[in-house]
Amino acid sequence: MLPDIQLFLRPGIIELGWGHPDPALFPVADLAAAAARALAEAGPQALAYGAEQGPGRLIEPLAAWLAQREGRPVPAEQVLITGGASQALDLLCTLWTRPGDTVLVEAPVYHLALRILRDHGLRLVPVAGDAHGLCPDALEAVLARESQPPRFLYTVPTFSNPSGATLPLERRQAVVSMAAAQGVPIVEDDVYRFLWFDEPPPPSLYHLAPAGAVIHLGSFSKILAPGLRLGWLVAAPEVVKRCVRSGLLDSGGGVSHFAAHVVAAYLEQGLLDGHIERLRAAYARRRDVLTAALAHYLPEGCHWERPRGGFFAWVALPAGIDSAGLLPAAEAAGVSYVPGARFYVDGGGGRYLRLSFSLLPTDELEEGVRRLAEVVERALKGVREERSP
């Protein structure tokens, strides 16, 4: 039988690689009630071809919800309902790029976004980041080297996938000013913004930038349920109008139209904020267990930053150990992760690995780190033996 879902958990392996929300946290009963309400109130309109921009029933309350959190107005005409952040990125590539065009990408950055960009035959130029996110000095250097303005800069500045880093306010201001001065739009993938644990993140790049300088992507996948395939794009009116006139939306109408009606009904009942609060508490607890296990089990020479939100911890292994080369031994020991090299355009990041704490219960998180630590210890012993005279 063919699978129903993307997630596949292998028997005997603690899968710390999947960056998925925990299905046990999905509000199934509330969404079922919202679906019934959507059908009762909208009837056949909820099942028809949707308006290309998305149904007003969702756009208007979503714009108000975002404006409350952004601290600035979000006009409804600047919101496009999308099939998640990935579909939005693919649409932007389709409409604004051609094969061979240059796109700047934060390094490290979401590895599956790199796949989308590569699907379009784009020339990807990395912009170095560090423990605090994208480096403005690196962006300045890259822009100075490029003979033609890049089509856009793609970045995940808040609780980054993979590093968990959050770009500080000063860097945000520098990045948006520099990009705007050079005429380079920023595509801000901000799907983890509302999953903060210790304190809210700085304002979004969209909030800080001059009008029209940032295209902001958000998603219900992380804060509600990914199976809805529902997200949003906030951008200048001319960007939204160009998307609305695309052949895809002209042919099929608005994406995920019925799901959009379901989420609209869910929002109308005032359920989203309380659900996000529960997610924050659950994921913060898992973050705490994972980072405590890292501190307890991993050998000297390993380094990581405590994530302040999102789904991921980014671990640097001791010098001489490559995370991709170590993966077969780790899986043989019953634990898996995503090697760091997958998050770089140029194959860097060999010492790093990404661990996700969002999917698994706390006991599996701790045991997974314990297994990983044993594998790292053995590899480190081998490195020491090779270096000894």
Protein backbone atom coordinates (compact mmCIF):
# COMPACT_ATOMS: atom_id res chain seq x y z
CA MET A 1 0.00 0.00 0.00
CA LEU A 2 1.29 3.47 -0.84
CA PRO A 3 1.99 5.76 2.14
CA ASP A 4 -0.48 8.40 3.31
CA ILE A 5 2.02 10.83 4.82
CA GLN A 6 5.58 12.01 4.17
CA LEU A 7 6.86 11.04 7.60
CA PHE A 8 8.51 7.63 7.85
CA LEU A 9 9.96 6.48 11.16
CA ARG A 10 12.28 3.50 10.83
CA PRO A 11 11.98 0.81 13.50
CA GLY A 12 14.85 0.88 15.97
CA ILE A 13 16.09 4.36 14.98
CA ILE A 14 15.38 7.54 16.94
CA GLU A 15 14.79 10.00 14.13
CA LEU A 16 16.16 13.38 15.16
CA GLY A 17 16.32 14.48 11.53
CA TRP A 18 12.66 15.07 10.76
CA GLY A 19 11.79 18.76 11.17
CA HIS A 20 8.09 18.03 11.57
CA PRO A 21 5.60 19.17 14.19
CA ASP A 22 4.30 16.43 16.46
CA PRO A 23 0.96 15.10 15.10
CA ALA A 24 -0.12 14.49 18.69
CA LEU A 25 -0.27 18.27 19.09
CA PHE A 26 -2.59 18.88 16.13
CA PRO A 27 -5.99 20.26 17.26
CA VAL A 28 -7.93 17.56 15.43
CA ALA A 29 -11.28 18.00 17.21
CA ASP A 30 -11.22 21.79 16.88
CA LEU A 31 -10.35 21.59 13.19
CA ALA A 32 -13.14 19.07 12.64
CA ALA A 33 -15.56 21.49 14.25
CA ALA A 34 -14.15 24.34 12.15
CA ALA A 35 -14.61 22.27 8.98
CA ALA A 36 -18.23 21.59 9.88
CA ARG A 37 -18.77 25.27 10.60
CA ALA A 38 -17.15 26.27 7.29
CA LEU A 39 -19.44 23.95 5.35
CA ALA A 40 -22.50 25.02 7.30
CA GLU A 41 -21.83 28.72 6.78
CA ALA A 42 -20.22 28.85 3.33
CA GLY A 43 -21.79 25.76 1.83
CA PRO A 44 -20.86 25.20 -1.83
CA GLN A 45 -18.65 28.33 -1.84
CA ALA A 46 -16.17 26.52 0.41
CA LEU A 47 -15.91 23.78 -2.22
CA ALA A 48 -15.78 25.97 -5.33
CA TYR A 49 -12.75 27.34 -7.19
CA GLY A 50 -11.42 29.97 -4.83
CA ALA A 51 -10.58 33.59 -5.54
CA GLU A 52 -7.03 33.77 -6.87
CA GLN A 53 -5.75 35.83 -3.93
CA GLY A 54 -7.47 33.54 -1.45
CA PRO A 55 -10.87 33.86 0.20
CA GLY A 56 -11.62 37.18 1.83
CA ARG A 57 -13.05 35.23 4.74
CA LEU A 58 -9.47 34.26 5.65
CA ILE A 59 -7.46 37.17 4.27
CA GLU A 60 -9.20 39.85 6.32
CA PRO A 61 -8.90 38.22 9.77
CA LEU A 62 -5.39 36.96 8.97
CA ALA A 63 -4.29 40.47 7.98
CA ALA A 64 -5.70 41.83 11.24
CA TRP A 65 -4.00 39.05 13.25
CA LEU A 66 -0.65 39.73 11.57
CA ALA A 67 -0.99 43.50 12.01
CA GLN A 68 -1.54 43.06 15.72
CA ARG A 69 1.71 41.09 15.96
CA GLU A 70 3.71 43.22 13.53
CA GLY A 71 2.80 46.47 15.20
CA ARG A 72 1.99 48.02 11.83
CA PRO A 73 -0.94 47.76 9.41
CA VAL A 74 -1.04 44.79 7.06
CA PRO A 75 -3.49 45.80 4.30
CA ALA A 76 -5.57 42.94 2.93
CA GLU A 77 -4.44 43.76 -0.62
CA GLN A 78 -0.88 42.90 0.44
CA VAL A 79 -1.77 39.35 1.55
CA LEU A 80 -1.81 36.31 -0.72
CA ILE A 81 -2.94 32.91 0.57
CA THR A 82 -0.43 30.25 -0.46
CA GLY A 83 0.03 26.51 -0.28
CA GLY A 84 2.62 27.00 2.48
CA ALA A 85 5.96 28.81 2.36
CA SER A 86 7.44 26.29 -0.08
CA GLN A 87 4.74 26.86 -2.70
CA ALA A 88 5.13 30.60 -2.25
CA LEU A 89 8.89 30.39 -2.84
CA ASP A 90 8.36 28.24 -5.92
CA LEU A 91 5.81 30.73 -7.27
CA LEU A 92 8.22 33.63 -6.74
CA CYS A 93 10.93 31.75 -8.61
CA THR A 94 8.55 30.98 -11.46
CA LEU A 95 7.44 34.60 -11.86
CA TRP A 96 10.62 36.55 -11.08
CA THR A 97 13.54 34.40 -12.18
CA ARG A 98 14.91 32.60 -15.20
CA PRO A 99 17.51 29.81 -15.31
CA GLY A 100 20.95 31.24 -14.68
CA ASP A 101 19.75 34.18 -12.59
CA THR A 102 21.60 34.83 -9.35
CA VAL A 103 19.93 34.38 -5.97
CA LEU A 104 21.69 35.01 -2.66
CA VAL A 105 21.11 32.47 0.11
CA GLU A 106 22.04 32.61 3.75
CA ALA A 107 24.61 29.99 4.78
CA PRO A 108 23.55 27.75 6.37
CA VAL A 109 19.94 27.79 5.21
CA TYR A 110 16.91 25.51 4.87
CA HIS A 111 18.10 22.64 2.67
CA LEU A 112 14.79 21.99 0.92
CA ALA A 113 14.52 25.64 -0.08
CA LEU A 114 17.84 25.09 -1.83
CA ARG A 115 16.20 22.25 -3.73
CA ILE A 116 13.36 24.53 -4.86
CA LEU A 117 15.82 27.17 -6.03
CA ARG A 118 17.88 24.55 -7.86
CA ASP A 119 14.73 23.23 -9.55
CA HIS A 120 14.61 26.61 -11.31
CA GLY A 121 18.21 26.42 -12.50
CA LEU A 122 19.32 29.42 -10.46
CA ARG A 123 22.89 30.36 -9.63
CA LEU A 124 23.04 30.25 -5.84
CA VAL A 125 25.55 32.46 -4.05
CA PRO A 126 26.01 31.88 -0.30
CA VAL A 127 26.14 34.71 2.23
CA ALA A 128 27.93 33.60 5.38
CA GLY A 129 26.23 33.50 8.74
CA ASP A 130 27.37 32.75 12.27
CA ALA A 131 25.80 31.90 15.62
CA HIS A 132 23.72 35.10 15.36
CA GLY A 133 22.52 34.61 11.80
CA LEU A 134 23.40 36.27 8.52
CA CYS A 135 26.47 38.56 8.68
CA PRO A 136 25.92 42.06 7.22
CA ASP A 137 29.63 42.33 6.38
CA ALA A 138 29.39 39.13 4.34
CA LEU A 139 26.33 40.47 2.51
CA GLU A 140 28.16 43.70 1.72
CA ALA A 141 31.13 41.77 0.33
CA VAL A 142 28.94 39.54 -1.85
CA LEU A 143 26.97 42.48 -3.23
CA ALA A 144 30.22 44.27 -4.07
CA ARG A 145 31.46 41.23 -6.03
CA GLU A 146 28.31 40.69 -8.08
CA SER A 147 28.31 42.48 -11.42
CA GLN A 148 24.51 42.38 -11.69
CA PRO A 149 22.00 42.81 -8.85
CA PRO A 150 20.77 39.39 -7.65
CA ARG A 151 17.11 38.61 -8.14
CA PHE A 152 16.60 38.32 -4.38
CA LEU A 153 18.12 37.26 -1.05
CA TYR A 154 16.54 34.24 0.65
CA THR A 155 16.91 34.05 4.43
CA VAL A 156 15.33 32.47 7.53
CA PRO A 157 16.18 35.15 10.10
CA THR A 158 14.08 33.99 13.05
CA PHE A 159 14.77 30.67 14.83
CA SER A 160 16.53 29.58 11.68
CA ASN A 161 16.28 26.22 10.02
CA PRO A 162 18.86 24.70 10.55
CA SER A 163 20.83 26.71 13.11
CA GLY A 164 18.07 27.98 15.39
CA ALA A 165 19.78 31.40 15.25
CA THR A 166 17.79 34.62 15.42
CA LEU A 167 19.18 37.68 13.68
CA PRO A 168 19.62 40.53 16.20
CA LEU A 169 17.84 43.83 15.66
CA GLU A 170 21.00 45.70 14.68
CA ARG A 171 21.83 43.16 11.98
CA ARG A 172 18.24 43.18 10.73
CA GLN A 173 18.40 46.91 10.27
CA ALA A 174 21.75 46.68 8.49
CA VAL A 175 20.61 43.88 6.17
CA VAL A 176 17.36 45.56 5.09
CA SER A 177 19.10 48.91 4.56
CA MET A 178 21.88 47.37 2.49
CA ALA A 179 19.57 45.24 0.37
CA ALA A 180 17.18 48.14 -0.25
CA ALA A 181 20.05 50.44 -1.23
CA GLN A 182 21.24 47.86 -3.78
CA GLY A 183 17.74 47.16 -5.08
CA VAL A 184 17.82 43.51 -3.97
CA PRO A 185 14.46 42.22 -2.65
CA ILE A 186 14.55 40.02 0.45
CA VAL A 187 12.45 36.87 0.69
CA GLU A 188 11.96 36.38 4.42
CA ASP A 189 10.95 32.83 5.34
CA ASP A 190 9.44 33.42 8.79
CA VAL A 191 7.52 30.24 9.55
CA TYR A 192 8.86 29.83 13.12
CA ARG A 193 8.28 33.43 14.28
CA PHE A 194 5.42 32.66 16.66
CA LEU A 195 7.11 29.63 18.29
CA TRP A 196 9.30 31.59 20.71
CA PHE A 197 10.11 30.18 24.14
CA ASP A 198 11.99 32.70 26.25
CA GLU A 199 11.02 36.06 24.74
CA PRO A 200 9.52 37.32 21.48
CA PRO A 201 11.95 37.75 18.59
CA PRO A 202 12.90 41.13 17.12
CA PRO A 203 10.58 42.70 14.55
CA SER A 204 10.46 40.96 11.19
CA LEU A 205 12.51 42.21 8.27
CA TYR A 206 9.18 43.09 6.65
CA HIS A 207 8.37 45.33 9.61
CA LEU A 208 11.76 47.08 9.48
CA ALA A 209 12.25 47.47 5.74
CA PRO A 210 11.11 50.25 3.43
CA ALA A 211 7.83 49.55 1.66
CA GLY A 212 8.20 46.92 -1.04
CA ALA A 213 11.70 45.78 -0.01
CA VAL A 214 10.72 42.48 1.66
CA ILE A 215 8.44 39.61 0.67
CA HIS A 216 7.39 37.95 3.89
CA LEU A 217 6.41 34.26 3.98
CA GLY A 218 4.44 32.64 6.78
CA SER A 219 2.76 29.28 7.29
CA PHE A 220 0.12 27.47 9.29
CA SER A 221 2.19 24.28 8.95
CA LYS A 222 4.18 24.90 12.13
CA ILE A 223 1.49 26.64 14.21
CA LEU A 224 -1.56 24.58 13.23
CA ALA A 225 -1.10 21.56 10.92
CA PRO A 226 1.03 20.99 7.79
CA GLY A 227 -1.63 18.86 6.10
CA LEU A 228 -3.68 22.01 5.59
CA ARG A 229 -1.03 23.11 3.04
CA LEU A 230 -1.81 26.69 3.89
CA GLY A 231 0.36 29.74 4.36
CA TRP A 232 0.60 33.37 3.35
CA LEU A 233 2.73 35.88 1.52
CA VAL A 234 2.81 39.55 2.50
CA ALA A 235 4.32 41.90 -0.05
CA ALA A 236 3.83 45.10 -1.99
CA PRO A 237 0.47 45.25 -3.82
CA GLU A 238 2.16 44.93 -7.22
CA VAL A 239 3.83 41.67 -6.12
CA VAL A 240 0.52 40.23 -4.93
CA LYS A 241 -1.20 41.33 -8.16
CA ARG A 242 1.50 39.66 -10.26
CA CYS A 243 1.05 36.43 -8.30
CA VAL A 244 -2.73 36.62 -8.67
CA ARG A 245 -2.35 36.95 -12.46
CA SER A 246 -0.14 33.86 -12.69
CA GLY A 247 -1.23 31.02 -14.93
CA LEU A 248 -1.35 28.65 -11.96
CA LEU A 249 -3.91 30.70 -10.04
CA ASP A 250 -5.81 31.73 -13.16
CA SER A 251 -6.27 28.07 -14.02
CA GLY A 252 -6.92 26.55 -10.61
CA GLY A 253 -8.11 29.45 -8.50
CA GLY A 254 -6.85 30.07 -5.00
CA VAL A 255 -4.76 27.28 -3.49
CA SER A 256 -6.10 25.16 -0.62
CA HIS A 257 -9.45 26.93 -0.82
CA PHE A 258 -11.41 24.57 1.44
CA ALA A 259 -8.56 24.48 3.97
CA ALA A 260 -8.59 28.28 3.94
CA HIS A 261 -12.28 28.26 4.89
CA VAL A 262 -11.55 25.80 7.69
CA VAL A 263 -8.77 27.96 9.11
CA ALA A 264 -10.97 31.06 8.77
CA ALA A 265 -13.65 29.34 10.86
CA TYR A 266 -10.96 28.31 13.38
CA LEU A 267 -9.76 31.92 13.64
CA GLU A 268 -13.31 33.19 14.02
CA GLN A 269 -13.64 31.04 17.14
CA GLY A 270 -10.52 32.64 18.66
CA LEU A 271 -8.68 29.34 19.00
CA LEU A 272 -5.32 30.04 17.37
CA ASP A 273 -3.60 32.08 20.08
CA GLY A 274 -4.35 29.53 22.79
CA HIS A 275 -3.15 26.71 20.56
CA ILE A 276 0.13 28.51 19.85
CA GLU A 277 0.65 29.01 23.60
CA ARG A 278 0.28 25.25 24.12
CA LEU A 279 2.75 24.58 21.31
CA ARG A 280 5.28 26.96 22.86
CA ALA A 281 5.04 25.19 26.19
CA ALA A 282 5.36 21.72 24.64
CA TYR A 283 8.27 22.58 22.37
CA ALA A 284 10.08 24.58 25.06
CA ARG A 285 9.97 21.53 27.31
CA ARG A 286 11.45 19.39 24.53
CA ARG A 287 14.10 22.01 23.84
CA ASP A 288 15.07 21.94 27.51
CA VAL A 289 15.34 18.15 27.59
CA LEU A 290 17.38 18.01 24.40
CA THR A 291 19.85 20.72 25.41
CA ALA A 292 20.24 19.24 28.90
CA ALA A 293 21.04 15.88 27.28
CA LEU A 294 23.55 17.52 24.94
CA ALA A 295 25.30 19.09 27.94
CA HIS A 296 25.26 15.84 29.88
CA TYR A 297 26.27 13.32 27.22
CA LEU A 298 28.25 14.95 24.42
CA PRO A 299 32.04 14.90 24.76
CA GLU A 300 34.30 17.91 25.06
CA GLY A 301 34.80 19.67 21.75
CA CYS A 302 31.10 19.70 20.81
CA HIS A 303 29.37 23.08 20.72
CA TRP A 304 25.83 24.34 20.31
CA GLU A 305 23.64 27.34 21.07
CA ARG A 306 20.47 26.98 23.14
CA PRO A 307 17.59 27.65 20.72
CA ARG A 308 15.23 30.41 21.81
CA GLY A 309 12.42 29.13 19.59
CA GLY A 310 11.60 26.99 16.58
CA PHE A 311 12.36 23.31 16.08
CA PHE A 312 16.13 22.86 15.84
CA ALA A 313 19.48 22.60 17.58
CA TRP A 314 22.68 23.03 15.55
CA VAL A 315 25.60 21.02 16.89
CA ALA A 316 29.27 21.43 15.96
CA LEU A 317 31.27 18.21 16.32
CA PRO A 318 34.91 18.12 17.46
CA ALA A 319 37.53 18.96 14.86
CA GLY A 320 38.28 16.08 12.56
CA ILE A 321 34.77 14.53 12.61
CA ASP A 322 32.53 14.91 9.56
CA SER A 323 28.81 14.61 10.29
CA ALA A 324 27.99 13.04 6.91
CA GLY A 325 30.72 10.46 7.35
CA LEU A 326 29.51 9.73 10.87
CA LEU A 327 25.85 9.21 9.88
CA PRO A 328 26.08 5.48 8.94
CA ALA A 329 27.61 4.69 12.32
CA ALA A 330 24.97 6.76 14.07
CA GLU A 331 22.12 4.99 12.29
CA ALA A 332 23.71 1.63 13.08
CA ALA A 333 23.61 2.74 16.72
CA GLY A 334 19.93 3.69 16.40
CA VAL A 335 19.90 7.46 15.95
CA SER A 336 19.69 9.75 12.92
CA TYR A 337 20.10 13.44 12.11
CA VAL A 338 20.63 15.72 9.11
CA PRO A 339 24.31 16.38 8.22
CA GLY A 340 25.31 20.03 8.09
CA ALA A 341 26.63 19.96 4.51
CA ARG A 342 23.07 19.72 3.19
CA PHE A 343 22.40 23.29 4.36
CA TYR A 344 25.23 24.85 2.36
CA VAL A 345 25.45 25.69 -1.33
CA ASP A 346 29.17 25.04 -1.47
CA GLY A 347 29.39 21.83 0.57
CA GLY A 348 30.60 23.51 3.77
CA GLY A 349 29.34 22.73 7.25
CA GLY A 350 30.92 19.29 7.50
CA ARG A 351 31.38 19.53 11.28
CA TYR A 352 27.74 20.43 11.89
CA LEU A 353 24.55 18.43 12.28
CA ARG A 354 20.94 19.43 12.79
CA LEU A 355 18.81 17.89 15.51
CA SER A 356 15.05 18.42 15.63
CA PHE A 357 13.28 18.38 18.99
CA SER A 358 9.77 19.04 17.65
CA LEU A 359 8.59 15.58 16.67
CA LEU A 360 9.58 13.13 19.41
CA PRO A 361 8.68 12.75 23.10
CA THR A 362 11.23 13.77 25.72
CA ASP A 363 12.38 10.25 26.61
CA GLU A 364 13.31 9.57 22.98
CA LEU A 365 15.09 12.90 22.70
CA GLU A 366 17.30 12.08 25.66
CA GLU A 367 18.00 8.54 24.52
CA GLY A 368 18.75 9.73 21.00
CA VAL A 369 21.37 12.16 22.29
CA ARG A 370 22.87 9.44 24.48
CA ARG A 371 23.26 7.15 21.47
CA LEU A 372 24.70 9.98 19.40
CA ALA A 373 27.21 10.80 22.11
CA GLU A 374 28.51 7.23 22.15
CA VAL A 375 29.08 7.36 18.39
CA VAL A 376 30.84 10.71 18.62
CA GLU A 377 33.04 9.41 21.46
CA ARG A 378 34.15 6.46 19.34
CA ALA A 379 34.86 8.70 16.36
CA LEU A 380 36.78 11.13 18.56
CA LYS A 381 38.87 8.29 19.94
CA GLY A 382 39.71 7.28 16.38
CA VAL A 383 40.75 10.84 15.51
CA ARG A 384 43.02 10.98 18.56
CA GLU A 385 44.61 7.66 17.70
CA GLU A 386 45.32 8.83 14.13
CA ARG A 387 46.97 11.99 15.44
CA SER A 388 49.09 10.28 18.06
CA PRO A 389 52.73 9.56 16.99
